Every structure is written in C-alpha cells, then in structure tokens.
Amino acid sequence: MSRPRTHVTDHALVRYLERVGGFDIEALRQAIARRVDEAARVGACGVVIDGFIFKLRRDQHGPVVTTVLIAGGDPAPDPGQIGEIGETDE
C-alpha cells in the first residue's frame, strides 16, 4: 500500500477525533493537566506516569504540557504499520 499524498494537520486530526470519533478533547486535556499538576507545581520539566513521559515547560500563563513520549525510548508505532480505519488484526 502506498503512502497517501495528502497531509492531515494536527488540527484536522483533533477535529476528526472530536466530531467523528466522539472523543471529548477538553475532558482529555483536563485529565492530563490533573495528572501532571503536582510535578508542575514543584517546577519539574517532565514527569513519568504509567510508562509515559509528560514534558513540561513554563510560559507567561504557567506550566504547559508540550508532548508525551513513551518512557524507555521505545519509538511510537510507525503509522505505516497501523491498519486502515475499521480494519482488524483478525
């Protein structure tokens, strides 16, 4: 299967998850913020929770989660290895 020529922006992906997938993005945002609040309060630049590294920085408004990585250096799955929407591994 060849790679698609069209790029999907992060914004479009988030809107797809909200509107098609039914994900409550704001609830997810709040859940992440609650999980890292204590580390952010003490000025940490990152925290490991459940095998994931939540990277933090501060801006003029306070702490910001900038990314989430897999702890231990395991790379994220290759998007080319993930099946099409609706496909199963059966």
N, C-alpha and C. Protein backbone atom coordinates (compact mmCIF):
# COMPACT_ATOMS: atom_id res chain seq x y z
N MET A 1 0.84 -1.17 0.00
CA MET A 1 0.00 0.00 0.00
C MET A 1 0.89 1.24 0.00
N SER A 2 0.65 2.15 -0.91
CA SER A 2 1.47 3.36 -0.99
C SER A 2 0.98 4.40 0.02
N ARG A 3 1.90 5.29 0.37
CA ARG A 3 1.56 6.38 1.29
C ARG A 3 0.63 7.37 0.59
N PRO A 4 -0.34 7.91 1.33
CA PRO A 4 -1.19 8.94 0.73
C PRO A 4 -0.39 10.20 0.43
N ARG A 5 -0.80 10.95 -0.55
CA ARG A 5 -0.12 12.20 -0.91
C ARG A 5 -0.60 13.36 -0.06
N THR A 6 -1.76 13.22 0.56
CA THR A 6 -2.36 14.30 1.33
C THR A 6 -1.89 14.27 2.77
N HIS A 7 -1.48 15.43 3.29
CA HIS A 7 -1.08 15.58 4.68
C HIS A 7 -2.31 15.98 5.50
N VAL A 8 -2.48 15.39 6.67
CA VAL A 8 -3.57 15.75 7.58
C VAL A 8 -2.94 16.51 8.74
N THR A 9 -3.38 17.74 8.96
CA THR A 9 -2.83 18.57 10.04
C THR A 9 -3.27 18.05 11.40
N ASP A 10 -2.53 18.45 12.44
CA ASP A 10 -2.92 18.10 13.80
C ASP A 10 -4.31 18.66 14.12
N HIS A 11 -4.58 19.86 13.65
CA HIS A 11 -5.89 20.49 13.88
C HIS A 11 -7.00 19.63 13.29
N ALA A 12 -6.82 19.18 12.05
CA ALA A 12 -7.84 18.35 11.40
C ALA A 12 -8.00 17.02 12.14
N LEU A 13 -6.90 16.46 12.60
CA LEU A 13 -6.96 15.19 13.32
C LEU A 13 -7.74 15.34 14.62
N VAL A 14 -7.47 16.41 15.35
CA VAL A 14 -8.19 16.66 16.61
C VAL A 14 -9.68 16.84 16.33
N ARG A 15 -10.02 17.60 15.29
CA ARG A 15 -11.44 17.80 14.96
C ARG A 15 -12.09 16.50 14.56
N TYR A 16 -11.37 15.64 13.84
CA TYR A 16 -11.88 14.32 13.47
C TYR A 16 -12.17 13.50 14.73
N LEU A 17 -11.21 13.50 15.66
CA LEU A 17 -11.41 12.74 16.90
C LEU A 17 -12.63 13.25 17.66
N GLU A 18 -12.80 14.57 17.70
CA GLU A 18 -13.95 15.16 18.40
C GLU A 18 -15.27 14.83 17.70
N ARG A 19 -15.33 15.12 16.43
CA ARG A 19 -16.60 15.12 15.71
C ARG A 19 -16.98 13.77 15.13
N VAL A 20 -16.02 12.99 14.72
CA VAL A 20 -16.31 11.68 14.13
C VAL A 20 -16.09 10.58 15.17
N GLY A 21 -14.97 10.68 15.88
CA GLY A 21 -14.63 9.65 16.86
C GLY A 21 -15.36 9.77 18.18
N GLY A 22 -15.93 10.96 18.44
CA GLY A 22 -16.68 11.15 19.67
C GLY A 22 -15.83 11.37 20.91
N PHE A 23 -14.56 11.73 20.74
CA PHE A 23 -13.70 11.98 21.89
C PHE A 23 -13.97 13.37 22.46
N ASP A 24 -14.00 13.47 23.77
CA ASP A 24 -14.16 14.75 24.44
C ASP A 24 -12.75 15.29 24.71
N ILE A 25 -12.24 16.08 23.78
CA ILE A 25 -10.86 16.57 23.85
C ILE A 25 -10.63 17.41 25.10
N GLU A 26 -11.58 18.25 25.47
CA GLU A 26 -11.42 19.08 26.67
C GLU A 26 -11.31 18.21 27.93
N ALA A 27 -12.10 17.14 28.00
CA ALA A 27 -12.01 16.24 29.15
C ALA A 27 -10.64 15.57 29.19
N LEU A 28 -10.10 15.18 28.03
CA LEU A 28 -8.76 14.59 27.98
C LEU A 28 -7.72 15.61 28.42
N ARG A 29 -7.87 16.86 27.96
CA ARG A 29 -6.94 17.93 28.34
C ARG A 29 -6.93 18.11 29.86
N GLN A 30 -8.12 18.13 30.46
CA GLN A 30 -8.22 18.30 31.92
C GLN A 30 -7.64 17.10 32.66
N ALA A 31 -7.86 15.88 32.14
CA ALA A 31 -7.32 14.68 32.78
C ALA A 31 -5.79 14.70 32.78
N ILE A 32 -5.20 15.11 31.66
CA ILE A 32 -3.74 15.20 31.58
C ILE A 32 -3.24 16.26 32.56
N ALA A 33 -3.88 17.42 32.59
CA ALA A 33 -3.46 18.50 33.48
C ALA A 33 -3.51 18.06 34.94
N ARG A 34 -4.56 17.36 35.33
CA ARG A 34 -4.66 16.88 36.71
C ARG A 34 -3.53 15.90 37.03
N ARG A 35 -3.17 15.05 36.07
CA ARG A 35 -2.13 14.05 36.32
C ARG A 35 -0.75 14.69 36.54
N VAL A 36 -0.48 15.81 35.88
CA VAL A 36 0.86 16.41 35.97
C VAL A 36 0.92 17.60 36.91
N ASP A 37 -0.20 18.00 37.50
CA ASP A 37 -0.25 19.21 38.32
C ASP A 37 0.80 19.24 39.44
N GLU A 38 0.98 18.14 40.16
CA GLU A 38 1.92 18.16 41.27
C GLU A 38 3.35 18.36 40.78
N ALA A 39 3.73 17.67 39.71
CA ALA A 39 5.08 17.85 39.16
C ALA A 39 5.26 19.28 38.66
N ALA A 40 4.24 19.82 38.01
CA ALA A 40 4.32 21.20 37.51
C ALA A 40 4.43 22.18 38.67
N ARG A 41 3.71 21.90 39.75
CA ARG A 41 3.72 22.79 40.92
C ARG A 41 5.11 22.93 41.50
N VAL A 42 5.89 21.86 41.48
CA VAL A 42 7.24 21.92 42.05
C VAL A 42 8.30 22.32 41.02
N GLY A 43 7.86 22.64 39.79
CA GLY A 43 8.78 23.16 38.79
C GLY A 43 9.47 22.12 37.94
N ALA A 44 8.96 20.89 37.90
CA ALA A 44 9.58 19.83 37.10
C ALA A 44 9.49 20.17 35.61
N CYS A 45 10.46 19.68 34.84
CA CYS A 45 10.42 19.86 33.38
C CYS A 45 9.84 18.64 32.70
N GLY A 46 9.51 17.63 33.50
CA GLY A 46 8.87 16.43 32.97
C GLY A 46 8.52 15.49 34.11
N VAL A 47 7.63 14.56 33.82
CA VAL A 47 7.23 13.57 34.83
C VAL A 47 6.86 12.28 34.11
N VAL A 48 7.24 11.14 34.71
CA VAL A 48 6.88 9.84 34.16
C VAL A 48 5.66 9.33 34.92
N ILE A 49 4.62 9.00 34.17
CA ILE A 49 3.39 8.46 34.75
C ILE A 49 2.95 7.29 33.88
N ASP A 50 2.79 6.13 34.51
CA ASP A 50 2.29 4.93 33.81
C ASP A 50 3.07 4.62 32.53
N GLY A 51 4.39 4.82 32.56
CA GLY A 51 5.21 4.46 31.41
C GLY A 51 5.29 5.52 30.32
N PHE A 52 4.78 6.71 30.60
CA PHE A 52 4.83 7.81 29.63
C PHE A 52 5.50 9.02 30.26
N ILE A 53 6.29 9.73 29.46
CA ILE A 53 6.95 10.95 29.91
C ILE A 53 6.13 12.14 29.43
N PHE A 54 5.67 12.94 30.37
CA PHE A 54 4.95 14.17 30.07
C PHE A 54 5.95 15.30 30.19
N LYS A 55 6.31 15.94 29.07
CA LYS A 55 7.28 17.04 29.07
C LYS A 55 6.55 18.34 29.41
N LEU A 56 7.17 19.14 30.28
CA LEU A 56 6.58 20.38 30.75
C LEU A 56 7.50 21.56 30.50
N ARG A 57 6.92 22.71 30.30
CA ARG A 57 7.67 23.97 30.28
C ARG A 57 6.76 25.03 30.90
N ARG A 58 7.31 26.18 31.14
CA ARG A 58 6.52 27.29 31.68
C ARG A 58 6.47 28.39 30.64
N ASP A 59 5.31 29.03 30.54
CA ASP A 59 5.20 30.24 29.73
C ASP A 59 4.59 31.33 30.61
N GLN A 60 4.18 32.42 30.02
CA GLN A 60 3.67 33.55 30.80
C GLN A 60 2.41 33.22 31.58
N HIS A 61 1.72 32.13 31.22
CA HIS A 61 0.47 31.75 31.89
C HIS A 61 0.67 30.63 32.92
N GLY A 62 1.85 30.03 32.94
CA GLY A 62 2.11 28.94 33.88
C GLY A 62 2.62 27.70 33.17
N PRO A 63 2.49 26.53 33.82
CA PRO A 63 3.01 25.29 33.24
C PRO A 63 2.22 24.86 32.02
N VAL A 64 2.95 24.24 31.06
CA VAL A 64 2.36 23.77 29.80
C VAL A 64 2.90 22.37 29.51
N VAL A 65 2.02 21.43 29.19
CA VAL A 65 2.45 20.11 28.71
C VAL A 65 2.72 20.26 27.22
N THR A 66 3.95 19.97 26.79
CA THR A 66 4.31 20.18 25.39
C THR A 66 4.27 18.92 24.55
N THR A 67 4.50 17.76 25.19
CA THR A 67 4.43 16.49 24.45
C THR A 67 4.36 15.35 25.44
N VAL A 68 4.04 14.18 24.93
CA VAL A 68 4.01 12.95 25.73
C VAL A 68 4.80 11.90 24.94
N LEU A 69 5.79 11.30 25.61
CA LEU A 69 6.66 10.31 24.98
C LEU A 69 6.52 8.97 25.68
N ILE A 70 6.89 7.91 25.02
CA ILE A 70 6.92 6.60 25.64
C ILE A 70 8.21 6.50 26.45
N ALA A 71 8.11 6.17 27.72
CA ALA A 71 9.29 6.04 28.58
C ALA A 71 10.13 4.86 28.11
N GLY A 72 11.43 4.94 28.29
CA GLY A 72 12.32 3.85 27.91
C GLY A 72 12.81 3.93 26.49
N GLY A 73 12.43 4.98 25.77
CA GLY A 73 12.96 5.19 24.44
C GLY A 73 12.31 4.38 23.35
N ASP A 74 11.26 3.61 23.66
CA ASP A 74 10.58 2.89 22.59
C ASP A 74 9.92 3.88 21.66
N PRO A 75 10.15 3.76 20.36
CA PRO A 75 9.54 4.71 19.44
C PRO A 75 8.04 4.46 19.32
N ALA A 76 7.34 5.50 18.89
CA ALA A 76 5.91 5.35 18.60
C ALA A 76 5.75 4.39 17.44
N PRO A 77 4.59 3.74 17.33
CA PRO A 77 4.40 2.85 16.19
C PRO A 77 4.51 3.59 14.87
N ASP A 78 5.06 2.93 13.87
CA ASP A 78 5.15 3.50 12.53
C ASP A 78 3.75 3.61 11.96
N PRO A 79 3.31 4.83 11.59
CA PRO A 79 1.97 4.98 11.05
C PRO A 79 1.70 4.07 9.86
N GLY A 80 2.73 3.69 9.13
CA GLY A 80 2.56 2.79 8.01
C GLY A 80 2.22 1.37 8.44
N GLN A 81 2.44 1.06 9.71
CA GLN A 81 2.15 -0.28 10.23
C GLN A 81 0.75 -0.37 10.86
N ILE A 82 0.08 0.76 10.98
CA ILE A 82 -1.24 0.79 11.58
C ILE A 82 -2.26 0.61 10.47
N GLY A 83 -3.23 -0.26 10.70
CA GLY A 83 -4.24 -0.56 9.68
C GLY A 83 -5.15 0.61 9.40
N GLU A 84 -5.88 0.49 8.31
CA GLU A 84 -6.89 1.49 7.94
C GLU A 84 -7.97 1.53 8.99
N ILE A 85 -8.68 2.64 9.08
CA ILE A 85 -9.80 2.75 10.00
C ILE A 85 -10.79 1.65 9.70
N GLY A 86 -11.19 0.93 10.74
CA GLY A 86 -12.16 -0.13 10.56
C GLY A 86 -11.54 -1.50 10.34
N GLU A 87 -10.23 -1.56 10.03
CA GLU A 87 -9.58 -2.86 9.85
C GLU A 87 -9.32 -3.48 11.20
N THR A 88 -9.29 -4.79 11.25
CA THR A 88 -8.93 -5.50 12.47
C THR A 88 -7.75 -6.40 12.15
N ASP A 89 -7.12 -6.93 13.19
CA ASP A 89 -5.98 -7.82 13.02
C ASP A 89 -6.41 -9.27 12.84
N GLU A 90 -7.68 -9.54 12.76
CA GLU A 90 -8.17 -10.92 12.65
C GLU A 90 -7.97 -11.48 11.28
